[in-house]
Amino acid sequence: MKCNLLKKNFQNLALSIFGLSSLIGNAQIPIERQSIITATEMFLFSDPNEAIRIAIQLSKNQNNSNIDKAKINLILAKSYKVKGDYSNALRILYEENKFEFYLTDFEKNEVLLNKIEILSDLSLKAESKKLLKLVSIKVPGPKTPISNSYINKLFLLEKTKLLLNERKIEQGIQLLKEEQNKSTEIFKIYPELKLWFTIKLGDFYLEKKNFVVANEYYVKALNIIANQKKENLYAKIYALSGLADVFFYQKQNNKATDLLNLAIVYSKKIQNVFLQEKILQKQSMNYLALNNITEYKFSHANYIQVLSQSETAEQEAVNTAYNLIANEKNEKYLEYKNKNDFTIKNIGLFFLIVFVAFIYFWQRAVVKAKNLKELFNFLQITKNNWIANNSDKGKESETKQESKKIIILKETEDLILQKLKRFENSKKFLSKDISLAVLAGQFDTNTKYLSEIINSHYQINFNSYINNLRINYIIEKLKTDPNYKNYKISYLAESSGFSSHSSFATVFKSITGISPVKFIDFLMNEKNNSLEV
């Protein structure tokens, strides 16, 4: 109640000041408008919609100077970024080029870093790396402005994201800790820096599988947020999500779901569909691990709904990014060449970028569709019906997927292959509950990577892979253990992980070319012939 009342009072105060500033003399306008602009930033990470509303209202003032317009645009872009509206955020950030002359070096760097963060989230790594080189980093000295130190540390955070993606864990941890120990003054002035450094360290230790230390950093981050005057819901979602991952890996799934339930409430409040998608997917995995089918169905249904929204938003954002990047390149190129005869080449470049964007989304759509199909199969149809009705479809799907591979780091691929070999040497594939999602969770990877590696190295899909392991297992038993030849087919099906006699017989025949009964007869005849000889 108190928070709502304070928020309402601030809104009324801001609007009152804004209305008053339009009536009084020009000499007073810049001072009052600047105070409102600064105050609007308070809502950035707690209520981005409110920050957007006030900023848009401010932008309508005809007395705004170009400096004011640039500052208001930056607040708008950051608010849209927190909300997950990357299309609008990018449009505004690229529009800031018009006001470049009126931006301070600090603000220019801030524009660049926000572009980098969004492009990185959209998996446009090449473009984000190019922009990273443009950030103006100054070597700290006795007279270095505090704003430069702030930009330096923001730059470092973006750099460590790349290190985390490339799994350079120790390098990332060392870099973060060295910077954290260099200066404590900057963290006092900009507490959000300390907050993001803490969360990022938690991410690195989580990736390192050091769950105890990761837990400490995430809890520390939540304590920092709790002591803030204005709660940073955006950062809180990341901290809660990271801590939930720790509990997931420690098999404390009830604790993980409690944290994710909180995170989904906050992500809905700031209306960020990308965060909602990630959280709901994690929530589904935890309910699956708990074997809570009712909650899993509900959570997964919400995940599918949000996934559709996030894919649409992502597609729009990537198209917007490519168009803005292409337009910026074209403008610079035309300016440099003075609008000469190279226009055709620029148009070709533009269509090439659009084509690449199309291929990118086509590939993502196919991979995600395959992932969702695996999850639906777990609940909505039985394994028997799946094998009977979809064996031919699996083969067709494999053929279509051959030319649409996703990029996986070599060391990640090797690690997953090692884990597959250990899995094959175990008997875990005999479990009836094994699925692509469950195995990916056990391997600490995602379903896309696991599915792609199985497809590329074994030339079969996940279900065919599991079925082959099971049939090979039972064939070996039939060959080496005489008792197995006398067992009923239903027992053979049960012991090899199949849910029914019929599904086992169908898969056995599809792999060996003959039925289980004929195969056993063949072995018996072979044994009798050898005895006669």
Protein backbone atom coordinates (compact mmCIF):
# COMPACT_ATOMS: atom_id res chain seq x y z
CA MET A 1 0.00 0.00 0.00
CA LYS A 2 2.79 2.41 0.92
CA CYS A 3 4.67 1.66 -2.30
CA ASN A 4 1.55 2.25 -4.40
CA LEU A 5 0.82 5.48 -2.55
CA LEU A 6 4.39 6.76 -3.03
CA LYS A 7 4.27 5.82 -6.70
CA LYS A 8 0.96 7.65 -7.15
CA ASN A 9 2.27 10.74 -5.36
CA PHE A 10 5.40 10.78 -7.50
CA GLN A 11 3.35 10.45 -10.69
CA ASN A 12 1.10 13.32 -9.66
CA LEU A 13 4.13 15.40 -8.68
CA ALA A 14 5.88 14.68 -11.98
CA LEU A 15 2.81 15.58 -14.01
CA SER A 16 2.22 18.70 -11.95
CA ILE A 17 5.79 19.88 -12.51
CA PHE A 18 5.47 19.01 -16.17
CA GLY A 19 2.23 20.97 -16.53
CA LEU A 20 3.70 23.92 -14.62
CA SER A 21 6.85 23.94 -16.76
CA SER A 22 4.78 24.54 -19.88
CA LEU A 23 3.29 27.69 -18.37
CA ILE A 24 6.27 29.46 -16.81
CA GLY A 25 9.13 31.31 -18.52
CA ASN A 26 11.70 29.71 -20.79
CA ALA A 27 14.50 30.35 -18.29
CA GLN A 28 12.92 27.96 -15.78
CA ILE A 29 11.93 25.20 -18.21
CA PRO A 30 15.31 23.44 -18.66
CA ILE A 31 15.91 23.16 -14.90
CA GLU A 32 12.48 21.72 -14.08
CA ARG A 33 12.40 19.47 -17.14
CA GLN A 34 15.84 18.10 -16.27
CA SER A 35 14.67 17.23 -12.75
CA ILE A 36 11.67 15.34 -14.18
CA ILE A 37 13.89 13.52 -16.68
CA THR A 38 16.20 12.44 -13.86
CA ALA A 39 13.27 11.40 -11.66
CA THR A 40 11.74 9.33 -14.50
CA GLU A 41 14.80 7.07 -14.46
CA MET A 42 13.67 5.86 -11.02
CA PHE A 43 10.96 3.78 -12.72
CA LEU A 44 13.27 2.16 -15.30
CA PHE A 45 13.78 -1.19 -13.57
CA SER A 46 10.67 -1.33 -11.39
CA ASP A 47 7.91 -0.05 -13.68
CA PRO A 48 9.19 0.50 -17.25
CA ASN A 49 5.67 1.19 -18.52
CA GLU A 50 5.39 4.17 -16.18
CA ALA A 51 8.83 5.43 -17.27
CA ILE A 52 7.74 5.15 -20.92
CA ARG A 53 4.48 6.99 -20.24
CA ILE A 54 6.20 9.92 -18.53
CA ALA A 55 9.01 10.05 -21.12
CA ILE A 56 6.53 10.13 -24.02
CA GLN A 57 4.63 12.91 -22.27
CA LEU A 58 7.88 14.83 -21.84
CA SER A 59 8.82 14.34 -25.50
CA LYS A 60 5.63 16.11 -26.62
CA ASN A 61 6.83 19.41 -25.14
CA GLN A 62 7.68 21.74 -28.03
CA ASN A 63 10.19 23.62 -25.87
CA ASN A 64 12.49 20.59 -25.65
CA SER A 65 16.04 21.31 -26.72
CA ASN A 66 18.01 18.74 -28.73
CA ILE A 67 19.88 17.86 -25.52
CA ASP A 68 16.56 17.18 -23.76
CA LYS A 69 15.33 15.09 -26.71
CA ALA A 70 18.49 12.99 -26.63
CA LYS A 71 18.19 12.37 -22.86
CA ILE A 72 14.48 11.52 -23.09
CA ASN A 73 15.15 9.15 -26.00
CA LEU A 74 17.81 7.34 -23.99
CA ILE A 75 15.39 6.82 -21.08
CA LEU A 76 12.74 5.56 -23.51
CA ALA A 77 15.17 3.12 -25.14
CA LYS A 78 16.34 1.74 -21.78
CA SER A 79 12.72 1.37 -20.61
CA TYR A 80 11.74 -0.52 -23.76
CA LYS A 81 14.82 -2.74 -23.31
CA VAL A 82 13.81 -3.67 -19.74
CA LYS A 83 10.30 -4.38 -21.00
CA GLY A 84 11.70 -6.67 -23.71
CA ASP A 85 10.38 -4.45 -26.53
CA TYR A 86 13.64 -4.63 -28.46
CA SER A 87 12.17 -3.30 -31.72
CA ASN A 88 11.21 0.07 -30.23
CA ALA A 89 14.38 0.20 -28.15
CA LEU A 90 16.59 -0.30 -31.22
CA ARG A 91 14.66 2.25 -33.31
CA ILE A 92 15.22 4.90 -30.64
CA LEU A 93 18.88 3.97 -30.05
CA TYR A 94 19.67 4.23 -33.77
CA GLU A 95 17.69 7.49 -33.94
CA GLU A 96 20.10 8.87 -31.34
CA ASN A 97 22.62 9.24 -34.20
CA LYS A 98 20.70 12.39 -35.17
CA PHE A 99 21.51 13.89 -31.76
CA GLU A 100 25.09 12.62 -31.60
CA PHE A 101 26.43 16.17 -31.49
CA TYR A 102 24.38 16.88 -28.35
CA LEU A 103 25.33 13.71 -26.46
CA THR A 104 28.19 13.61 -23.97
CA ASP A 105 30.89 10.94 -24.38
CA PHE A 106 29.30 9.14 -21.45
CA GLU A 107 25.87 9.10 -23.16
CA LYS A 108 27.36 8.02 -26.53
CA ASN A 109 28.97 5.04 -24.82
CA GLU A 110 25.73 4.27 -22.99
CA VAL A 111 23.86 4.23 -26.33
CA LEU A 112 26.46 1.83 -27.76
CA LEU A 113 26.34 -0.49 -24.73
CA ASN A 114 22.55 -0.69 -24.84
CA LYS A 115 22.71 -1.57 -28.55
CA ILE A 116 25.32 -4.24 -27.78
CA GLU A 117 23.21 -5.79 -25.01
CA ILE A 118 20.10 -6.04 -27.20
CA LEU A 119 21.94 -7.38 -30.27
CA SER A 120 23.66 -9.95 -28.06
CA ASP A 121 20.30 -11.07 -26.62
CA LEU A 122 19.04 -11.47 -30.21
CA SER A 123 22.06 -13.73 -30.97
CA LEU A 124 23.50 -11.16 -33.42
CA LYS A 125 26.97 -11.76 -31.97
CA ALA A 126 28.96 -10.46 -34.95
CA GLU A 127 27.22 -7.08 -34.91
CA SER A 128 27.49 -6.75 -31.11
CA LYS A 129 31.24 -7.50 -31.25
CA LYS A 130 31.72 -4.80 -33.91
CA LEU A 131 29.98 -2.23 -31.71
CA LEU A 132 31.98 -3.37 -28.67
CA LYS A 133 35.12 -2.16 -30.45
CA LEU A 134 33.60 1.32 -30.78
CA VAL A 135 33.08 1.84 -27.03
CA SER A 136 35.49 4.50 -25.82
CA ILE A 137 37.39 2.98 -22.88
CA LYS A 138 39.78 5.29 -21.04
CA VAL A 139 42.60 4.07 -18.84
CA PRO A 140 41.74 5.01 -15.21
CA GLY A 141 43.91 7.67 -13.57
CA PRO A 142 43.85 10.07 -10.61
CA LYS A 143 41.73 12.58 -12.55
CA THR A 144 39.52 10.09 -14.41
CA PRO A 145 35.84 11.18 -14.14
CA ILE A 146 33.65 8.75 -12.23
CA SER A 147 31.38 8.48 -15.30
CA ASN A 148 34.27 6.96 -17.27
CA SER A 149 34.81 4.32 -14.59
CA TYR A 150 31.09 3.54 -14.80
CA ILE A 151 31.28 3.02 -18.58
CA ASN A 152 34.44 0.94 -18.19
CA LYS A 153 32.64 -1.45 -15.86
CA LEU A 154 29.53 -1.63 -18.06
CA PHE A 155 31.84 -2.48 -20.95
CA LEU A 156 33.43 -5.21 -18.86
CA LEU A 157 30.02 -6.73 -18.07
CA GLU A 158 29.23 -6.98 -21.79
CA LYS A 159 32.65 -8.48 -22.43
CA THR A 160 32.12 -11.16 -19.76
CA LYS A 161 28.82 -12.13 -21.42
CA LEU A 162 30.84 -13.15 -24.48
CA LEU A 163 33.28 -15.07 -22.27
CA LEU A 164 30.37 -16.90 -20.62
CA ASN A 165 28.92 -17.84 -24.03
CA GLU A 166 32.36 -19.11 -25.10
CA ARG A 167 32.65 -21.05 -21.78
CA LYS A 168 35.83 -19.22 -20.77
CA ILE A 169 34.78 -19.54 -17.14
CA GLU A 170 38.02 -18.99 -15.24
CA GLN A 171 38.94 -15.99 -17.41
CA GLY A 172 35.55 -14.40 -16.77
CA ILE A 173 35.68 -14.94 -13.01
CA GLN A 174 39.19 -13.52 -12.78
CA LEU A 175 38.26 -10.45 -14.82
CA LEU A 176 35.15 -9.72 -12.74
CA LYS A 177 36.94 -10.16 -9.41
CA GLU A 178 39.91 -7.99 -10.44
CA GLU A 179 37.60 -5.15 -11.50
CA GLN A 180 35.48 -5.59 -8.39
CA ASN A 181 38.53 -5.17 -6.15
CA LYS A 182 40.01 -2.19 -8.02
CA SER A 183 37.57 0.44 -6.81
CA THR A 184 34.78 0.34 -4.24
CA GLU A 185 33.91 4.03 -4.67
CA ILE A 186 32.20 3.44 -8.03
CA PHE A 187 29.95 0.77 -6.48
CA LYS A 188 28.82 3.20 -3.78
CA ILE A 189 27.83 5.81 -6.36
CA TYR A 190 26.31 3.28 -8.78
CA PRO A 191 24.96 0.42 -6.61
CA GLU A 192 23.36 -1.21 -9.67
CA LEU A 193 26.91 -1.93 -10.93
CA LYS A 194 27.69 -3.92 -7.80
CA LEU A 195 24.38 -5.72 -8.24
CA TRP A 196 25.09 -6.81 -11.84
CA PHE A 197 28.69 -7.79 -11.01
CA THR A 198 27.32 -10.02 -8.23
CA ILE A 199 24.71 -11.65 -10.50
CA LYS A 200 27.26 -12.19 -13.26
CA LEU A 201 29.68 -13.89 -10.83
CA GLY A 202 26.80 -16.14 -9.77
CA ASP A 203 26.24 -17.04 -13.45
CA PHE A 204 29.90 -17.96 -13.91
CA TYR A 205 30.04 -20.15 -10.78
CA LEU A 206 26.75 -21.79 -11.83
CA GLU A 207 28.30 -22.64 -15.21
CA LYS A 208 31.35 -23.96 -13.33
CA LYS A 209 29.01 -26.23 -11.32
CA ASN A 210 30.22 -24.66 -8.06
CA PHE A 211 26.69 -24.45 -6.68
CA VAL A 212 27.66 -23.37 -3.16
CA VAL A 213 29.47 -20.22 -4.34
CA ALA A 214 26.84 -19.52 -7.02
CA ASN A 215 24.15 -19.68 -4.32
CA GLU A 216 26.09 -17.17 -2.18
CA TYR A 217 26.35 -14.64 -5.01
CA TYR A 218 22.67 -14.88 -5.99
CA VAL A 219 21.56 -14.48 -2.37
CA LYS A 220 23.94 -11.53 -2.01
CA ALA A 221 22.38 -9.95 -5.11
CA LEU A 222 18.87 -10.37 -3.67
CA ASN A 223 20.01 -8.71 -0.43
CA ILE A 224 21.40 -5.75 -2.40
CA ILE A 225 18.03 -5.39 -4.17
CA ALA A 226 16.14 -5.61 -0.87
CA ASN A 227 18.14 -2.65 0.49
CA GLN A 228 17.47 -0.41 -2.53
CA LYS A 229 15.09 2.52 -2.27
CA LYS A 230 13.43 1.50 -5.54
CA GLU A 231 13.32 -2.28 -6.06
CA ASN A 232 15.11 -3.39 -9.25
CA LEU A 233 12.64 -6.01 -10.49
CA TYR A 234 14.62 -6.54 -13.71
CA ALA A 235 17.75 -7.63 -11.83
CA LYS A 236 15.69 -9.52 -9.25
CA ILE A 237 14.26 -11.77 -11.98
CA TYR A 238 17.79 -12.73 -13.10
CA ALA A 239 18.92 -13.38 -9.52
CA LEU A 240 15.84 -15.51 -8.70
CA SER A 241 16.19 -17.43 -11.95
CA GLY A 242 19.89 -18.12 -11.30
CA LEU A 243 19.20 -19.29 -7.74
CA ALA A 244 16.42 -21.55 -9.06
CA ASP A 245 18.97 -23.13 -11.43
CA VAL A 246 21.21 -23.87 -8.45
CA PHE A 247 18.34 -25.65 -6.68
CA PHE A 248 17.44 -27.53 -9.89
CA TYR A 249 20.94 -28.97 -10.22
CA GLN A 250 20.91 -29.83 -6.51
CA LYS A 251 17.56 -31.61 -7.09
CA GLN A 252 15.79 -29.25 -4.67
CA ASN A 253 12.99 -28.78 -7.19
CA ASN A 254 10.36 -27.54 -4.74
CA LYS A 255 12.59 -24.61 -3.75
CA ALA A 256 13.30 -23.93 -7.43
CA THR A 257 9.60 -23.76 -8.33
CA ASP A 258 8.89 -21.35 -5.45
CA LEU A 259 11.57 -18.96 -6.72
CA LEU A 260 10.42 -19.28 -10.33
CA ASN A 261 6.82 -18.54 -9.30
CA LEU A 262 8.08 -15.24 -7.87
CA ALA A 263 10.17 -14.53 -10.96
CA ILE A 264 7.21 -15.07 -13.30
CA VAL A 265 5.11 -12.60 -11.30
CA TYR A 266 7.83 -9.93 -11.64
CA SER A 267 8.40 -10.66 -15.34
CA LYS A 268 4.67 -10.24 -15.98
CA LYS A 269 4.72 -6.95 -14.09
CA ILE A 270 7.41 -5.51 -16.38
CA GLN A 271 5.75 -7.33 -19.34
CA ASN A 272 8.98 -8.91 -20.64
CA VAL A 273 7.93 -11.96 -22.71
CA PHE A 274 11.54 -13.12 -23.25
CA LEU A 275 12.08 -13.47 -19.51
CA GLN A 276 8.65 -15.08 -19.11
CA GLU A 277 9.52 -17.69 -21.74
CA LYS A 278 12.81 -18.65 -20.06
CA ILE A 279 11.27 -18.82 -16.59
CA LEU A 280 8.25 -20.88 -17.68
CA GLN A 281 10.53 -23.34 -19.46
CA LYS A 282 12.59 -23.78 -16.29
CA GLN A 283 9.41 -24.08 -14.25
CA SER A 284 8.14 -26.85 -16.54
CA MET A 285 11.42 -28.75 -16.20
CA ASN A 286 11.22 -28.60 -12.39
CA TYR A 287 7.64 -29.88 -12.33
CA LEU A 288 8.71 -32.63 -14.73
CA ALA A 289 11.55 -33.59 -12.37
CA LEU A 290 9.04 -33.65 -9.48
CA ASN A 291 6.71 -35.81 -11.61
CA ASN A 292 3.97 -33.27 -10.88
CA ILE A 293 2.05 -33.83 -14.10
CA THR A 294 -0.83 -31.47 -13.26
CA GLU A 295 1.41 -28.47 -12.63
CA TYR A 296 3.63 -29.47 -15.55
CA LYS A 297 0.68 -29.38 -17.95
CA PHE A 298 -0.42 -25.97 -16.68
CA SER A 299 3.10 -24.52 -16.74
CA HIS A 300 3.87 -26.00 -20.15
CA ALA A 301 0.62 -24.63 -21.63
CA ASN A 302 1.62 -21.15 -20.41
CA TYR A 303 5.11 -21.70 -21.82
CA ILE A 304 3.72 -22.57 -25.28
CA GLN A 305 1.53 -19.44 -25.25
CA VAL A 306 4.38 -17.13 -24.22
CA LEU A 307 6.79 -18.88 -26.61
CA SER A 308 4.60 -17.87 -29.54
CA GLN A 309 4.61 -14.25 -28.35
CA SER A 310 8.37 -14.20 -27.78
CA GLU A 311 9.08 -15.71 -31.21
CA THR A 312 6.95 -13.03 -32.87
CA ALA A 313 8.68 -10.29 -30.84
CA GLU A 314 12.11 -11.76 -31.59
CA GLN A 315 11.41 -12.01 -35.32
CA GLU A 316 10.22 -8.41 -35.42
CA ALA A 317 13.27 -7.27 -33.39
CA VAL A 318 15.80 -9.09 -35.59
CA ASN A 319 14.17 -7.73 -38.75
CA THR A 320 14.24 -4.26 -37.21
CA ALA A 321 17.90 -4.71 -36.26
CA TYR A 322 18.91 -5.85 -39.75
CA ASN A 323 17.00 -2.98 -41.35
CA LEU A 324 18.50 -0.38 -38.99
CA ILE A 325 22.02 -1.77 -39.43
CA ALA A 326 21.59 -1.89 -43.20
CA ASN A 327 20.20 1.65 -43.29
CA GLU A 328 23.03 2.94 -41.12
CA LYS A 329 25.61 1.27 -43.35
CA ASN A 330 23.92 2.60 -46.44
CA GLU A 331 23.79 6.13 -45.07
CA LYS A 332 27.48 6.10 -44.16
CA TYR A 333 28.41 4.52 -47.45
CA LEU A 334 26.38 6.99 -49.51
CA GLU A 335 27.76 9.89 -47.51
CA TYR A 336 31.34 8.70 -48.04
CA LYS A 337 30.87 7.97 -51.77
CA ASN A 338 28.69 11.04 -52.35
CA LYS A 339 25.72 9.03 -53.68
CA ASN A 340 27.53 7.56 -56.72
CA ASP A 341 26.88 4.51 -58.87
CA PHE A 342 27.21 1.89 -56.12
CA THR A 343 23.51 1.99 -55.14
CA ILE A 344 22.82 -1.40 -56.76
CA LYS A 345 25.46 -3.05 -54.56
CA ASN A 346 23.81 -1.55 -51.45
CA ILE A 347 20.42 -2.89 -52.50
CA GLY A 348 21.96 -6.32 -53.04
CA LEU A 349 23.51 -6.16 -49.58
CA PHE A 350 20.15 -5.25 -48.09
CA PHE A 351 18.37 -8.20 -49.72
CA LEU A 352 21.20 -10.50 -48.65
CA ILE A 353 20.67 -9.40 -45.04
CA VAL A 354 16.90 -9.97 -45.37
CA PHE A 355 17.60 -13.43 -46.81
CA VAL A 356 19.95 -14.29 -43.94
CA ALA A 357 17.28 -13.12 -41.47
CA PHE A 358 14.73 -15.38 -43.17
CA ILE A 359 17.05 -18.41 -42.99
CA TYR A 360 17.81 -17.60 -39.34
CA PHE A 361 14.12 -17.68 -38.33
CA TRP A 362 13.35 -20.68 -40.47
CA GLN A 363 16.09 -22.63 -38.72
CA ARG A 364 14.99 -21.49 -35.23
CA ALA A 365 11.35 -22.35 -36.00
CA VAL A 366 12.22 -25.90 -37.08
CA VAL A 367 14.49 -26.54 -34.07
CA LYS A 368 11.96 -25.13 -31.57
CA ALA A 369 9.11 -27.09 -33.20
CA LYS A 370 11.11 -30.28 -32.76
CA ASN A 371 11.78 -29.44 -29.09
CA LEU A 372 8.11 -28.75 -28.42
CA LYS A 373 7.12 -31.99 -30.14
CA GLU A 374 9.33 -33.93 -27.70
CA LEU A 375 7.66 -32.27 -24.72
CA PHE A 376 4.14 -32.80 -26.07
CA ASN A 377 4.84 -36.46 -26.67
CA PHE A 378 5.63 -36.91 -22.94
CA LEU A 379 2.08 -36.01 -21.88
CA GLN A 380 -0.38 -36.04 -24.74
CA ILE A 381 0.19 -39.41 -26.44
CA THR A 382 1.47 -42.77 -25.26
CA LYS A 383 4.81 -44.16 -26.34
CA ASN A 384 2.96 -46.96 -28.10
CA ASN A 385 0.92 -44.57 -30.27
CA TRP A 386 3.96 -42.42 -30.92
CA ILE A 387 6.03 -45.36 -32.22
CA ALA A 388 3.15 -46.77 -34.29
CA ASN A 389 2.12 -43.47 -35.87
CA ASN A 390 5.29 -41.42 -36.07
CA SER A 391 8.19 -43.74 -36.95
CA ASP A 392 8.00 -42.73 -40.62
CA LYS A 393 7.58 -39.07 -39.71
CA GLY A 394 10.78 -39.21 -37.66
CA LYS A 395 12.71 -40.32 -40.72
CA GLU A 396 11.22 -37.54 -42.84
CA SER A 397 12.06 -35.02 -40.13
CA GLU A 398 15.68 -36.20 -40.08
CA THR A 399 15.98 -35.66 -43.84
CA LYS A 400 14.58 -32.15 -43.58
CA GLN A 401 16.88 -31.26 -40.69
CA GLU A 402 20.15 -32.32 -42.40
CA SER A 403 20.71 -28.95 -44.03
CA LYS A 404 19.63 -26.89 -41.03
CA LYS A 405 22.31 -27.40 -38.40
CA ILE A 406 22.81 -25.04 -35.49
CA ILE A 407 26.26 -23.83 -34.52
CA ILE A 408 27.72 -25.57 -31.43
CA LEU A 409 31.12 -24.90 -29.93
CA LYS A 410 33.56 -27.78 -30.54
CA GLU A 411 34.33 -28.22 -26.83
CA THR A 412 30.61 -28.27 -25.99
CA GLU A 413 30.00 -30.85 -28.72
CA ASP A 414 32.86 -33.06 -27.48
CA LEU A 415 31.59 -32.86 -23.90
CA ILE A 416 28.05 -33.90 -24.91
CA LEU A 417 29.46 -36.78 -27.03
CA GLN A 418 31.45 -38.01 -24.02
CA LYS A 419 28.31 -37.94 -21.90
CA LEU A 420 26.39 -39.83 -24.62
CA LYS A 421 29.06 -42.56 -24.61
CA ARG A 422 28.77 -42.92 -20.82
CA PHE A 423 24.97 -42.96 -21.19
CA GLU A 424 25.21 -45.73 -23.80
CA ASN A 425 27.44 -47.81 -21.49
CA SER A 426 24.91 -47.43 -18.67
CA LYS A 427 21.39 -48.81 -18.55
CA LYS A 428 19.64 -45.47 -18.12
CA PHE A 429 18.12 -45.75 -21.61
CA LEU A 430 15.96 -48.60 -20.25
CA SER A 431 13.98 -46.10 -18.13
CA LYS A 432 10.49 -45.55 -19.47
CA ASP A 433 10.63 -41.90 -18.41
CA ILE A 434 13.67 -41.04 -20.51
CA SER A 435 13.05 -38.21 -22.99
CA LEU A 436 15.03 -35.57 -24.84
CA ALA A 437 14.15 -32.96 -22.21
CA VAL A 438 15.04 -35.23 -19.25
CA LEU A 439 18.35 -36.36 -20.81
CA ALA A 440 19.27 -32.76 -21.71
CA GLY A 441 18.66 -31.83 -18.07
CA GLN A 442 20.93 -34.67 -16.89
CA PHE A 443 23.63 -33.52 -19.34
CA ASP A 444 23.37 -29.87 -18.17
CA THR A 445 22.63 -28.75 -21.73
CA ASN A 446 19.59 -27.79 -23.79
CA THR A 447 17.39 -29.92 -26.04
CA LYS A 448 18.52 -28.10 -29.20
CA TYR A 449 22.17 -28.98 -28.72
CA LEU A 450 21.50 -32.59 -27.69
CA SER A 451 19.09 -33.21 -30.57
CA GLU A 452 21.45 -31.63 -33.14
CA ILE A 453 24.46 -33.69 -31.98
CA ILE A 454 22.49 -36.96 -32.06
CA ASN A 455 21.17 -36.09 -35.54
CA SER A 456 24.60 -35.16 -36.93
CA HIS A 457 26.68 -37.96 -35.36
CA TYR A 458 24.19 -40.85 -35.49
CA GLN A 459 22.03 -39.73 -38.46
CA ILE A 460 18.88 -40.54 -36.47
CA ASN A 461 16.54 -38.60 -34.21
CA PHE A 462 16.43 -38.93 -30.43
CA ASN A 463 13.63 -41.53 -30.28
CA SER A 464 15.32 -43.74 -32.90
CA TYR A 465 18.57 -43.38 -30.92
CA ILE A 466 16.91 -44.62 -27.68
CA ASN A 467 15.07 -47.41 -29.52
CA ASN A 468 18.31 -48.62 -31.12
CA LEU A 469 20.04 -48.75 -27.72
CA ARG A 470 17.13 -50.70 -26.22
CA ILE A 471 16.89 -53.20 -29.10
CA ASN A 472 20.67 -53.72 -29.14
CA TYR A 473 20.52 -54.35 -25.38
CA ILE A 474 17.80 -56.99 -25.66
CA ILE A 475 19.51 -58.67 -28.66
CA GLU A 476 22.71 -58.96 -26.62
CA LYS A 477 20.73 -60.49 -23.74
CA LEU A 478 19.07 -62.98 -26.07
CA LYS A 479 22.45 -64.01 -27.45
CA THR A 480 24.32 -64.30 -24.13
CA ASP A 481 21.68 -65.31 -21.56
CA PRO A 482 19.81 -68.56 -22.41
CA ASN A 483 17.01 -67.69 -19.99
CA TYR A 484 15.94 -64.71 -22.10
CA LYS A 485 14.98 -67.03 -25.00
CA ASN A 486 12.31 -68.59 -22.78
CA TYR A 487 10.80 -65.32 -21.52
CA LYS A 488 7.54 -63.97 -22.87
CA ILE A 489 7.72 -61.11 -25.38
CA SER A 490 5.90 -58.87 -22.88
CA TYR A 491 8.71 -59.43 -20.37
CA LEU A 492 11.35 -58.64 -23.00
CA ALA A 493 9.47 -55.43 -23.83
CA GLU A 494 9.23 -54.45 -20.15
CA SER A 495 12.91 -55.18 -19.39
CA SER A 496 14.12 -53.17 -22.39
CA GLY A 497 12.12 -50.06 -21.46
CA PHE A 498 9.13 -50.31 -23.81
CA SER A 499 5.65 -49.58 -22.56
CA SER A 500 3.92 -52.41 -24.40
CA HIS A 501 4.33 -55.70 -26.21
CA SER A 502 3.15 -54.21 -29.53
CA SER A 503 5.44 -51.14 -29.49
CA PHE A 504 8.44 -53.37 -28.70
CA ALA A 505 7.56 -55.77 -31.52
CA THR A 506 7.05 -52.92 -33.99
CA VAL A 507 10.37 -51.23 -33.20
CA PHE A 508 12.23 -54.57 -33.06
CA LYS A 509 11.04 -55.49 -36.55
CA SER A 510 11.78 -52.00 -37.96
CA ILE A 511 15.42 -52.31 -36.77
CA THR A 512 16.19 -56.02 -37.33
CA GLY A 513 13.83 -56.73 -40.21
CA ILE A 514 12.16 -59.65 -38.42
CA SER A 515 9.82 -60.04 -35.44
CA PRO A 516 11.13 -60.90 -31.92
CA VAL A 517 9.56 -64.39 -32.15
CA LYS A 518 11.29 -65.18 -35.44
CA PHE A 519 14.57 -63.79 -34.11
CA ILE A 520 14.39 -66.08 -31.06
CA ASP A 521 13.50 -69.04 -33.32
CA PHE A 522 16.51 -68.17 -35.44
CA LEU A 523 18.80 -68.20 -32.39
CA MET A 524 17.32 -71.49 -31.17
CA ASN A 525 17.78 -73.11 -34.58
CA GLU A 526 21.32 -71.80 -34.78
CA LYS A 527 22.09 -73.30 -31.35
CA ASN A 528 20.54 -76.66 -32.28
CA ASN A 529 22.50 -76.77 -35.53
CA SER A 530 25.75 -76.11 -33.69
CA LEU A 531 24.96 -78.92 -31.21
CA GLU A 532 24.23 -81.37 -34.00
CA VAL A 533 27.53 -80.58 -35.64
